[in-house]
PDB file of N, CA and C in Angstrom:
ATOM      1  N   MET A   1      28.086  56.808 114.758  1.00  0.00           N
ATOM      2  CA  MET A   1      26.701  56.804 114.368  1.00  0.00           C
ATOM      3  C   MET A   1      26.554  55.905 113.151  1.00  0.00           C
ATOM      4  N   LYS A   2      25.446  55.136 113.124  1.00  0.00           N
ATOM      5  CA  LYS A   2      25.150  54.292 111.968  1.00  0.00           C
ATOM      6  C   LYS A   2      23.810  54.695 111.388  1.00  0.00           C
ATOM      7  N   LEU A   3      23.747  54.673 110.069  1.00  0.00           N
ATOM      8  CA  LEU A   3      22.517  54.952 109.367  1.00  0.00           C
ATOM      9  C   LEU A   3      22.192  53.711 108.541  1.00  0.00           C
ATOM     10  N   TYR A   4      21.048  53.097 108.837  1.00  0.00           N
ATOM     11  CA  TYR A   4      20.602  51.894 108.138  1.00  0.00           C
ATOM     12  C   TYR A   4      19.543  52.284 107.124  1.00  0.00           C
ATOM     13  N   GLY A   5      19.747  51.886 105.873  1.00  0.00           N
ATOM     14  CA  GLY A   5      18.776  52.219 104.839  1.00  0.00           C
ATOM     15  C   GLY A   5      19.147  51.581 103.527  1.00  0.00           C
ATOM     16  N   LEU A   6      18.676  52.190 102.460  1.00  0.00           N
ATOM     17  CA  LEU A   6      18.977  51.723 101.099  1.00  0.00           C
ATOM     18  C   LEU A   6      19.732  52.826 100.367  1.00  0.00           C
ATOM     19  N   LYS A   7      20.748  52.425  99.611  1.00  0.00           N
ATOM     20  CA  LYS A   7      21.549  53.435  98.920  1.00  0.00           C
ATOM     21  C   LYS A   7      20.746  54.165  97.854  1.00  0.00           C
ATOM     22  N   THR A   8      19.639  53.575  97.412  1.00  0.00           N
ATOM     23  CA  THR A   8      18.809  54.220  96.396  1.00  0.00           C
ATOM     24  C   THR A   8      17.699  55.077  96.995  1.00  0.00           C
ATOM     25  N   CYS A   9      17.612  55.132  98.301  1.00  0.00           N
ATOM     26  CA  CYS A   9      16.548  55.884  98.990  1.00  0.00           C
ATOM     27  C   CYS A   9      16.943  57.362  99.107  1.00  0.00           C
ATOM     28  N   ASP A  10      16.118  58.242  98.550  1.00  0.00           N
ATOM     29  CA  ASP A  10      16.407  59.672  98.600  1.00  0.00           C
ATOM     30  C   ASP A  10      16.482  60.198 100.030  1.00  0.00           C
ATOM     31  N   THR A  11      15.578  59.727 100.893  1.00  0.00           N
ATOM     32  CA  THR A  11      15.577  60.189 102.279  1.00  0.00           C
ATOM     33  C   THR A  11      16.849  59.764 102.991  1.00  0.00           C
ATOM     34  N   CYS A  12      17.307  58.549 102.731  1.00  0.00           N
ATOM     35  CA  CYS A  12      18.552  58.067 103.354  1.00  0.00           C
ATOM     36  C   CYS A  12      19.748  58.886 102.880  1.00  0.00           C
ATOM     37  N   ARG A  13      19.789  59.175 101.593  1.00  0.00           N
ATOM     38  CA  ARG A  13      20.896  59.975 101.056  1.00  0.00           C
ATOM     39  C   ARG A  13      20.880  61.379 101.641  1.00  0.00           C
ATOM     40  N   LYS A  14      19.690  61.963 101.774  1.00  0.00           N
ATOM     41  CA  LYS A  14      19.567  63.309 102.347  1.00  0.00           C
ATOM     42  C   LYS A  14      20.029  63.305 103.806  1.00  0.00           C
ATOM     43  N   ALA A  15      19.573  62.313 104.571  1.00  0.00           N
ATOM     44  CA  ALA A  15      19.969  62.230 105.988  1.00  0.00           C
ATOM     45  C   ALA A  15      21.474  62.053 106.106  1.00  0.00           C
ATOM     46  N   LEU A  16      22.049  61.171 105.302  1.00  0.00           N
ATOM     47  CA  LEU A  16      23.491  60.921 105.347  1.00  0.00           C
ATOM     48  C   LEU A  16      24.270  62.191 105.028  1.00  0.00           C
ATOM     49  N   THR A  17      23.876  62.885 103.988  1.00  0.00           N
ATOM     50  CA  THR A  17      24.551  64.128 103.599  1.00  0.00           C
ATOM     51  C   THR A  17      24.440  65.175 104.704  1.00  0.00           C
ATOM     52  N   ASN A  18      23.230  65.356 105.239  1.00  0.00           N
ATOM     53  CA  ASN A  18      23.031  66.359 106.290  1.00  0.00           C
ATOM     54  C   ASN A  18      23.860  66.033 107.533  1.00  0.00           C
ATOM     55  N   LEU A  19      23.861  64.790 107.938  1.00  0.00           N
ATOM     56  CA  LEU A  19      24.618  64.406 109.136  1.00  0.00           C
ATOM     57  C   LEU A  19      26.116  64.611 108.935  1.00  0.00           C
ATOM     58  N   LYS A  20      26.605  64.240 107.766  1.00  0.00           N
ATOM     59  CA  LYS A  20      28.037  64.440 107.487  1.00  0.00           C
ATOM     60  C   LYS A  20      28.381  65.922 107.436  1.00  0.00           C
ATOM     61  N   ASN A  21      27.493  66.731 106.857  1.00  0.00           N
ATOM     62  CA  ASN A  21      27.729  68.180 106.796  1.00  0.00           C
ATOM     63  C   ASN A  21      27.740  68.808 108.180  1.00  0.00           C
ATOM     64  N   LEU A  22      27.042  68.181 109.128  1.00  0.00           N
ATOM     65  CA  LEU A  22      27.037  68.662 110.508  1.00  0.00           C
ATOM     66  C   LEU A  22      28.243  68.162 111.303  1.00  0.00           C
ATOM     67  N   GLY A  23      29.100  67.387 110.645  1.00  0.00           N
ATOM     68  CA  GLY A  23      30.322  66.931 111.285  1.00  0.00           C
ATOM     69  C   GLY A  23      30.240  65.565 111.955  1.00  0.00           C
ATOM     70  N   PHE A  24      29.136  64.863 111.785  1.00  0.00           N
ATOM     71  CA  PHE A  24      29.016  63.528 112.373  1.00  0.00           C
ATOM     72  C   PHE A  24      29.784  62.513 111.537  1.00  0.00           C
ATOM     73  N   ASP A  25      30.395  61.568 112.226  1.00  0.00           N
ATOM     74  CA  ASP A  25      31.042  60.438 111.573  1.00  0.00           C
ATOM     75  C   ASP A  25      29.963  59.370 111.408  1.00  0.00           C
ATOM     76  N   VAL A  26      29.520  59.146 110.176  1.00  0.00           N
ATOM     77  CA  VAL A  26      28.380  58.272 109.919  1.00  0.00           C
ATOM     78  C   VAL A  26      28.805  57.079 109.084  1.00  0.00           C
ATOM     79  N   GLU A  27      28.462  55.891 109.575  1.00  0.00           N
ATOM     80  CA  GLU A  27      28.659  54.654 108.815  1.00  0.00           C
ATOM     81  C   GLU A  27      27.325  54.309 108.173  1.00  0.00           C
ATOM     82  N   PHE A  28      27.295  54.173 106.855  1.00  0.00           N
ATOM     83  CA  PHE A  28      26.065  53.824 106.150  1.00  0.00           C
ATOM     84  C   PHE A  28      26.004  52.312 105.957  1.00  0.00           C
ATOM     85  N   VAL A  29      24.871  51.714 106.309  1.00  0.00           N
ATOM     86  CA  VAL A  29      24.652  50.279 106.141  1.00  0.00           C
ATOM     87  C   VAL A  29      23.499  50.096 105.163  1.00  0.00           C
ATOM     88  N   ASP A  30      23.807  49.600 103.964  1.00  0.00           N
ATOM     89  CA  ASP A  30      22.776  49.318 102.967  1.00  0.00           C
ATOM     90  C   ASP A  30      22.157  47.966 103.313  1.00  0.00           C
ATOM     91  N   ILE A  31      20.916  47.982 103.781  1.00  0.00           N
ATOM     92  CA  ILE A  31      20.299  46.760 104.289  1.00  0.00           C
ATOM     93  C   ILE A  31      19.934  45.769 103.182  1.00  0.00           C
ATOM     94  N   ARG A  32      19.977  46.213 101.950  1.00  0.00           N
ATOM     95  CA  ARG A  32      19.747  45.275 100.851  1.00  0.00           C
ATOM     96  C   ARG A  32      21.048  44.550 100.519  1.00  0.00           C
ATOM     97  N   ALA A  33      22.151  45.268 100.490  1.00  0.00           N
ATOM     98  CA  ALA A  33      23.452  44.672 100.179  1.00  0.00           C
ATOM     99  C   ALA A  33      24.012  43.879 101.359  1.00  0.00           C
ATOM    100  N   ASP A  34      23.781  44.376 102.576  1.00  0.00           N
ATOM    101  CA  ASP A  34      24.257  43.730 103.800  1.00  0.00           C
ATOM    102  C   ASP A  34      23.064  43.480 104.716  1.00  0.00           C
ATOM    103  N   PRO A  35      22.373  42.351 104.533  1.00  0.00           N
ATOM    104  CA  PRO A  35      21.174  42.092 105.339  1.00  0.00           C
ATOM    105  C   PRO A  35      21.455  42.233 106.835  1.00  0.00           C
ATOM    106  N   LEU A  36      20.463  42.773 107.530  1.00  0.00           N
ATOM    107  CA  LEU A  36      20.598  43.001 108.964  1.00  0.00           C
ATOM    108  C   LEU A  36      20.646  41.691 109.737  1.00  0.00           C
ATOM    109  N   PRO A  37      21.510  41.601 110.735  1.00  0.00           N
ATOM    110  CA  PRO A  37      21.511  40.437 111.616  1.00  0.00           C
ATOM    111  C   PRO A  37      20.183  40.359 112.372  1.00  0.00           C
ATOM    112  N   GLN A  38      19.780  39.166 112.726  1.00  0.00           N
ATOM    113  CA  GLN A  38      18.524  38.948 113.440  1.00  0.00           C
ATOM    114  C   GLN A  38      18.435  39.808 114.708  1.00  0.00           C
ATOM    115  N   ALA A  39      19.537  39.931 115.423  1.00  0.00           N
ATOM    116  CA  ALA A  39      19.540  40.718 116.663  1.00  0.00           C
ATOM    117  C   ALA A  39      19.198  42.179 116.393  1.00  0.00           C
ATOM    118  N   ASP A  40      19.731  42.755 115.312  1.00  0.00           N
ATOM    119  CA  ASP A  40      19.410  44.143 114.974  1.00  0.00           C
ATOM    120  C   ASP A  40      17.949  44.280 114.561  1.00  0.00           C
ATOM    121  N   LEU A  41      17.454  43.338 113.772  1.00  0.00           N
ATOM    122  CA  LEU A  41      16.049  43.374 113.375  1.00  0.00           C
ATOM    123  C   LEU A  41      15.134  43.342 114.599  1.00  0.00           C
ATOM    124  N   GLU A  42      15.454  42.483 115.536  1.00  0.00           N
ATOM    125  CA  GLU A  42      14.639  42.364 116.738  1.00  0.00           C
ATOM    126  C   GLU A  42      14.723  43.637 117.589  1.00  0.00           C
ATOM    127  N   ARG A  43      15.904  44.226 117.655  1.00  0.00           N
ATOM    128  CA  ARG A  43      16.089  45.475 118.405  1.00  0.00           C
ATOM    129  C   ARG A  43      15.275  46.605 117.779  1.00  0.00           C
ATOM    130  N   PHE A  44      15.285  46.690 116.453  1.00  0.00           N
ATOM    131  CA  PHE A  44      14.519  47.718 115.753  1.00  0.00           C
ATOM    132  C   PHE A  44      13.018  47.493 115.949  1.00  0.00           C
ATOM    133  N   ALA A  45      12.586  46.242 115.839  1.00  0.00           N
ATOM    134  CA  ALA A  45      11.167  45.933 116.010  1.00  0.00           C
ATOM    135  C   ALA A  45      10.711  46.225 117.435  1.00  0.00           C
ATOM    136  N   GLU A  46      11.581  45.965 118.402  1.00  0.00           N
ATOM    137  CA  GLU A  46      11.241  46.264 119.798  1.00  0.00           C
ATOM    138  C   GLU A  46      11.115  47.772 120.009  1.00  0.00           C
ATOM    139  N   ALA A  47      11.995  48.532 119.387  1.00  0.00           N
ATOM    140  CA  ALA A  47      11.992  49.988 119.560  1.00  0.00           C
ATOM    141  C   ALA A  47      10.824  50.657 118.828  1.00  0.00           C
ATOM    142  N   PHE A  48      10.470  50.157 117.637  1.00  0.00           N
ATOM    143  CA  PHE A  48       9.511  50.869 116.793  1.00  0.00           C
ATOM    144  C   PHE A  48       8.210  50.113 116.529  1.00  0.00           C
ATOM    145  N   GLY A  49       8.169  48.823 116.853  1.00  0.00           N
ATOM    146  CA  GLY A  49       6.954  48.043 116.614  1.00  0.00           C
ATOM    147  C   GLY A  49       6.574  48.038 115.144  1.00  0.00           C
ATOM    148  N   ASP A  50       5.278  48.149 114.883  1.00  0.00           N
ATOM    149  CA  ASP A  50       4.783  48.137 113.508  1.00  0.00           C
ATOM    150  C   ASP A  50       5.181  49.386 112.729  1.00  0.00           C
ATOM    151  N   ASP A  51       5.612  50.444 113.422  1.00  0.00           N
ATOM    152  CA  ASP A  51       6.072  51.646 112.726  1.00  0.00           C
ATOM    153  C   ASP A  51       7.317  51.377 111.893  1.00  0.00           C
ATOM    154  N   LEU A  52       7.988  50.259 112.156  1.00  0.00           N
ATOM    155  CA  LEU A  52       9.178  49.901 111.382  1.00  0.00           C
ATOM    156  C   LEU A  52       8.822  49.615 109.923  1.00  0.00           C
ATOM    157  N   LEU A  53       7.557  49.311 109.664  1.00  0.00           N
ATOM    158  CA  LEU A  53       7.128  48.973 108.308  1.00  0.00           C
ATOM    159  C   LEU A  53       6.634  50.206 107.565  1.00  0.00           C
ATOM    160  N   ASN A  54       7.094  50.355 106.336  1.00  0.00           N
ATOM    161  CA  ASN A  54       6.667  51.457 105.471  1.00  0.00           C
ATOM    162  C   ASN A  54       5.500  50.953 104.625  1.00  0.00           C
ATOM    163  N   ARG A  55       4.305  51.226 105.110  1.00  0.00           N
ATOM    164  CA  ARG A  55       3.099  50.733 104.443  1.00  0.00           C
ATOM    165  C   ARG A  55       2.718  51.554 103.204  1.00  0.00           C
ATOM    166  N   ARG A  56       3.490  52.582 102.901  1.00  0.00           N
ATOM    167  CA  ARG A  56       3.241  53.365 101.688  1.00  0.00           C
ATOM    168  C   ARG A  56       4.186  52.974 100.561  1.00  0.00           C
ATOM    169  N   SER A  57       5.077  52.033 100.806  1.00  0.00           N
ATOM    170  CA  SER A  57       6.080  51.670  99.807  1.00  0.00           C
ATOM    171  C   SER A  57       5.485  50.805  98.693  1.00  0.00           C
ATOM    172  N   THR A  58       6.134  50.855  97.559  1.00  0.00           N
ATOM    173  CA  THR A  58       5.746  50.007  96.437  1.00  0.00           C
ATOM    174  C   THR A  58       5.874  48.541  96.824  1.00  0.00           C
ATOM    175  N   THR A  59       6.889  48.210  97.588  1.00  0.00           N
ATOM    176  CA  THR A  59       7.091  46.833  98.022  1.00  0.00           C
ATOM    177  C   THR A  59       5.904  46.361  98.855  1.00  0.00           C
ATOM    178  N   TRP A  60       5.474  47.190  99.815  1.00  0.00           N
ATOM    179  CA  TRP A  60       4.333  46.829 100.665  1.00  0.00           C
ATOM    180  C   TRP A  60       3.078  46.602  99.818  1.00  0.00           C
ATOM    181  N   ARG A  61       2.829  47.506  98.871  1.00  0.00           N
ATOM    182  CA  ARG A  61       1.627  47.390  98.043  1.00  0.00           C
ATOM    183  C   ARG A  61       1.656  46.135  97.181  1.00  0.00           C
ATOM    184  N   GLY A  62       2.852  45.623  96.887  1.00  0.00           N
ATOM    185  CA  GLY A  62       2.976  44.429  96.072  1.00  0.00           C
ATOM    186  C   GLY A  62       2.864  43.117  96.848  1.00  0.00           C
ATOM    187  N   LEU A  63       2.785  43.211  98.179  1.00  0.00           N
ATOM    188  CA  LEU A  63       2.699  42.003  98.997  1.00  0.00           C
ATOM    189  C   LEU A  63       1.266  41.479  99.042  1.00  0.00           C
ATOM    190  N   SER A  64       1.139  40.164  99.158  1.00  0.00           N
ATOM    191  CA  SER A  64      -0.182  39.564  99.341  1.00  0.00           C
ATOM    192  C   SER A  64      -0.639  39.813 100.773  1.00  0.00           C
ATOM    193  N   GLU A  65      -1.913  39.592 101.027  1.00  0.00           N
ATOM    194  CA  GLU A  65      -2.439  39.779 102.381  1.00  0.00           C
ATOM    195  C   GLU A  65      -1.752  38.835 103.360  1.00  0.00           C
ATOM    196  N   ASP A  66      -1.457  37.618 102.927  1.00  0.00           N
ATOM    197  CA  ASP A  66      -0.745  36.660 103.793  1.00  0.00           C
ATOM    198  C   ASP A  66       0.652  37.161 104.141  1.00  0.00           C
ATOM    199  N   GLN A  67       1.354  37.711 103.154  1.00  0.00           N
ATOM    200  CA  GLN A  67       2.696  38.229 103.408  1.00  0.00           C
ATOM    201  C   GLN A  67       2.643  39.408 104.366  1.00  0.00           C
ATOM    202  N   ARG A  68       1.635  40.244 104.257  1.00  0.00           N
ATOM    203  CA  ARG A  68       1.499  41.406 105.140  1.00  0.00           C
ATOM    204  C   ARG A  68       1.258  41.014 106.592  1.00  0.00           C
ATOM    205  N   GLN A  69       0.803  39.795 106.808  1.00  0.00           N
ATOM    206  CA  GLN A  69       0.536  39.315 108.166  1.00  0.00           C
ATOM    207  C   GLN A  69       1.791  38.776 108.852  1.00  0.00           C
ATOM    208  N   MET A  70       2.900  38.699 108.120  1.00  0.00           N
ATOM    209  CA  MET A  70       4.149  38.217 108.708  1.00  0.00           C
ATOM    210  C   MET A  70       4.594  39.187 109.803  1.00  0.00           C
ATOM    211  N   PRO A  71       5.303  38.691 110.831  1.00  0.00           N
ATOM    212  CA  PRO A  71       5.847  39.594 111.848  1.00  0.00           C
ATOM    213  C   PRO A  71       6.818  40.601 111.198  1.00  0.00           C
ATOM    214  N   PRO A  72       6.890  41.830 111.726  1.00  0.00           N
ATOM    215  CA  PRO A  72       7.771  42.849 111.130  1.00  0.00           C
ATOM    216  C   PRO A  72       9.212  42.377 110.927  1.00  0.00           C
ATOM    217  N   VAL A  73       9.752  41.630 111.887  1.00  0.00           N
ATOM    218  CA  VAL A  73      11.137  41.157 111.768  1.00  0.00           C
ATOM    219  C   VAL A  73      11.293  40.270 110.537  1.00  0.00           C
ATOM    220  N   GLN A  74      10.360  39.368 110.350  1.00  0.00           N
ATOM    221  CA  GLN A  74      10.424  38.449 109.212  1.00  0.00           C
ATOM    222  C   GLN A  74      10.188  39.197 107.902  1.00  0.00           C
ATOM    223  N   LEU A  75       9.272  40.156 107.906  1.00  0.00           N
ATOM    224  CA  LEU A  75       9.009  40.938 106.697  1.00  0.00           C
ATOM    225  C   LEU A  75      10.237  41.711 106.244  1.00  0.00           C
ATOM    226  N   VAL A  76      10.887  42.405 107.175  1.00  0.00           N
ATOM    227  CA  VAL A  76      12.067  43.196 106.819  1.00  0.00           C
ATOM    228  C   VAL A  76      13.221  42.285 106.397  1.00  0.00           C
ATOM    229  N   ALA A  77      13.362  41.146 107.041  1.00  0.00           N
ATOM    230  CA  ALA A  77      14.422  40.201 106.652  1.00  0.00           C
ATOM    231  C   ALA A  77      14.200  39.695 105.234  1.00  0.00           C
ATOM    232  N   THR A  78      12.947  39.466 104.871  1.00  0.00           N
ATOM    233  CA  THR A  78      12.620  38.930 103.555  1.00  0.00           C
ATOM    234  C   THR A  78      12.562  40.022 102.493  1.00  0.00           C
ATOM    235  N   TYR A  79      12.001  41.172 102.852  1.00  0.00           N
ATOM    236  CA  TYR A  79      11.812  42.290 101.924  1.00  0.00           C
ATOM    237  C   TYR A  79      12.387  43.566 102.542  1.00  0.00           C
ATOM    238  N   PRO A  80      13.703  43.781 102.447  1.00  0.00           N
ATOM    239  CA  PRO A  80      14.330  44.930 103.117  1.00  0.00           C
ATOM    240  C   PRO A  80      13.714  46.276 102.750  1.00  0.00           C
ATOM    241  N   ALA A  81      13.199  46.420 101.544  1.00  0.00           N
ATOM    242  CA  ALA A  81      12.656  47.709 101.108  1.00  0.00           C
ATOM    243  C   ALA A  81      11.367  48.075 101.833  1.00  0.00           C
ATOM    244  N   VAL A  82      10.795  47.146 102.587  1.00  0.00           N
ATOM    245  CA  VAL A  82       9.564  47.442 103.315  1.00  0.00           C
ATOM    246  C   VAL A  82       9.855  48.138 104.656  1.00  0.00           C
ATOM    247  N   MET A  83      11.138  48.227 105.032  1.00  0.00           N
ATOM    248  CA  MET A  83      11.502  48.908 106.280  1.00  0.00           C
ATOM    249  C   MET A  83      11.425  50.417 106.081  1.00  0.00           C
ATOM    250  N   LYS A  84      10.793  51.097 107.030  1.00  0.00           N
ATOM    251  CA  LYS A  84      10.793  52.562 107.005  1.00  0.00           C
ATOM    252  C   LYS A  84      12.233  53.014 107.220  1.00  0.00           C
ATOM    253  N   ARG A  85      12.625  54.040 106.486  1.00  0.00           N
ATOM    254  CA  ARG A  85      14.023  54.439 106.493  1.00  0.00           C
ATOM    255  C   ARG A  85      14.162  55.941 106.704  1.00  0.00           C
ATOM    256  N   PRO A  86      15.349  56.295 107.173  1.00  0.00           N
ATOM    257  CA  PRO A  86      16.415  55.454 107.722  1.00  0.00           C
ATOM    258  C   PRO A  86      16.169  55.128 109.195  1.00  0.00           C
ATOM    259  N   VAL A  87      16.877  54.114 109.652  1.00  0.00           N
ATOM    260  CA  VAL A  87      17.008  53.879 111.086  1.00  0.00           C
ATOM    261  C   VAL A  87      18.388  54.404 111.435  1.00  0.00           C
ATOM    262  N   ILE A  88      18.433  55.297 112.398  1.00  0.00           N
ATOM    263  CA  ILE A  88      19.692  55.926 112.794  1.00  0.00           C
ATOM    264  C   ILE A  88      20.021  55.485 114.210  1.00  0.00           C
ATOM    265  N   GLU A  89      21.236  54.989 114.375  1.00  0.00           N
ATOM    266  CA  GLU A  89      21.711  54.538 115.689  1.00  0.00           C
ATOM    267  C   GLU A  89      22.802  55.492 116.148  1.00  0.00           C
ATOM    268  N   ARG A  90      22.542  56.117 117.278  1.00  0.00           N
ATOM    269  CA  ARG A  90      23.537  57.031 117.857  1.00  0.00           C
ATOM    270  C   ARG A  90      23.719  56.612 119.303  1.00  0.00           C
ATOM    271  N   GLY A  91      24.865  56.000 119.583  1.00  0.00           N
ATOM    272  CA  GLY A  91      25.085  55.445 120.918  1.00  0.00           C
ATOM    273  C   GLY A  91      24.077  54.354 121.174  1.00  0.00           C
ATOM    274  N   ASP A  92      23.316  54.482 122.255  1.00  0.00           N
ATOM    275  CA  ASP A  92      22.303  53.473 122.550  1.00  0.00           C
ATOM    276  C   ASP A  92      20.904  53.944 122.157  1.00  0.00           C
ATOM    277  N   GLN A  93      20.811  55.046 121.404  1.00  0.00           N
ATOM    278  CA  GLN A  93      19.531  55.588 120.948  1.00  0.00           C
ATOM    279  C   GLN A  93      19.258  55.201 119.501  1.00  0.00           C
ATOM    280  N   LEU A  94      17.988  54.888 119.214  1.00  0.00           N
ATOM    281  CA  LEU A  94      17.556  54.601 117.852  1.00  0.00           C
ATOM    282  C   LEU A  94      16.520  55.627 117.432  1.00  0.00           C
ATOM    283  N   TYR A  95      16.610  56.052 116.182  1.00  0.00           N
ATOM    284  CA  TYR A  95      15.672  57.015 115.609  1.00  0.00           C
ATOM    285  C   TYR A  95      15.157  56.446 114.298  1.00  0.00           C
ATOM    286  N   LEU A  96      13.892  56.717 113.991  1.00  0.00           N
ATOM    287  CA  LEU A  96      13.276  56.197 112.774  1.00  0.00           C
ATOM    288  C   LEU A  96      12.825  57.350 111.891  1.00  0.00           C
ATOM    289  N   GLY A  97      13.280  57.327 110.645  1.00  0.00           N
ATOM    290  CA  GLY A  97      12.900  58.345 109.685  1.00  0.00           C
ATOM    291  C   GLY A  97      13.816  59.551 109.740  1.00  0.00           C
ATOM    292  N   TRP A  98      13.459  60.571 108.955  1.00  0.00           N
ATOM    293  CA  TRP A  98      14.258  61.799 108.906  1.00  0.00           C
ATOM    294  C   TRP A  98      13.326  63.005 108.968  1.00  0.00           C
ATOM    295  N   SER A  99      12.402  62.951 109.900  1.00  0.00           N
ATOM    296  CA  SER A  99      11.462  64.057 110.097  1.00  0.00           C
ATOM    297  C   SER A  99      12.170  65.203 110.810  1.00  0.00           C
ATOM    298  N   SER A 100      11.513  66.339 110.866  1.00  0.00           N
ATOM    299  CA  SER A 100      12.094  67.483 111.566  1.00  0.00           C
ATOM    300  C   SER A 100      12.267  67.169 113.057  1.00  0.00           C
ATOM    301  N   GLN A 101      11.373  66.344 113.626  1.00  0.00           N
ATOM    302  CA  GLN A 101      11.509  65.964 115.035  1.00  0.00           C
ATOM    303  C   GLN A 101      12.757  65.117 115.261  1.00  0.00           C
ATOM    304  N   VAL A 102      13.018  64.176 114.363  1.00  0.00           N
ATOM    305  CA  VAL A 102      14.224  63.340 114.480  1.00  0.00           C
ATOM    306  C   VAL A 102      15.464  64.211 114.319  1.00  0.00           C
ATOM    307  N   GLN A 103      15.442  65.101 113.337  1.00  0.00           N
ATOM    308  CA  GLN A 103      16.583  65.980 113.105  1.00  0.00           C
ATOM    309  C   GLN A 103      16.881  66.827 114.341  1.00  0.00           C
ATOM    310  N   ALA A 104      15.844  67.339 114.964  1.00  0.00           N
ATOM    311  CA  ALA A 104      16.024  68.185 116.156  1.00  0.00           C
ATOM    312  C   ALA A 104      16.614  67.386 117.307  1.00  0.00           C
ATOM    313  N   ARG A 105      16.198  66.132 117.459  1.00  0.00           N
ATOM    314  CA  ARG A 105      16.715  65.311 118.562  1.00  0.00           C
ATOM    315  C   ARG A 105      18.162  64.897 118.340  1.00  0.00           C
ATOM    316  N   ILE A 106      18.547  64.695 117.086  1.00  0.00           N
ATOM    317  CA  ILE A 106      19.911  64.247 116.794  1.00  0.00           C
ATOM    318  C   ILE A 106      20.889  65.419 116.818  1.00  0.00           C
ATOM    319  N   THR A 107      20.492  66.532 116.263  1.00  0.00           N
ATOM    320  CA  THR A 107      21.402  67.659 116.157  1.00  0.00           C
ATOM    321  C   THR A 107      21.138  68.575 117.304  1.00  0.00           C
TER     322      THR A 107
END
């Protein structure tokens, strides 16, 4: 299982801790330190569409209107903190966020 997020993100840290406590072998990928390959960005955008963007983030609020019009793949590649987190990959399944619904589907 892979968890894509930011090491400074509280939700990512909570998800990582919970998954490890449940016995999952989890690889954490810090998307700021290790930028996502284009193929992964496109796969995430295909799976989640515009939901991939965290429009409540400080990063999003700091973007100009022109920057906000960029395609999600380009936005996340340029500004990793604008990606909603975490993205969890388990086998061929992708999950977005750490809501109770995501937790129920994974565990």
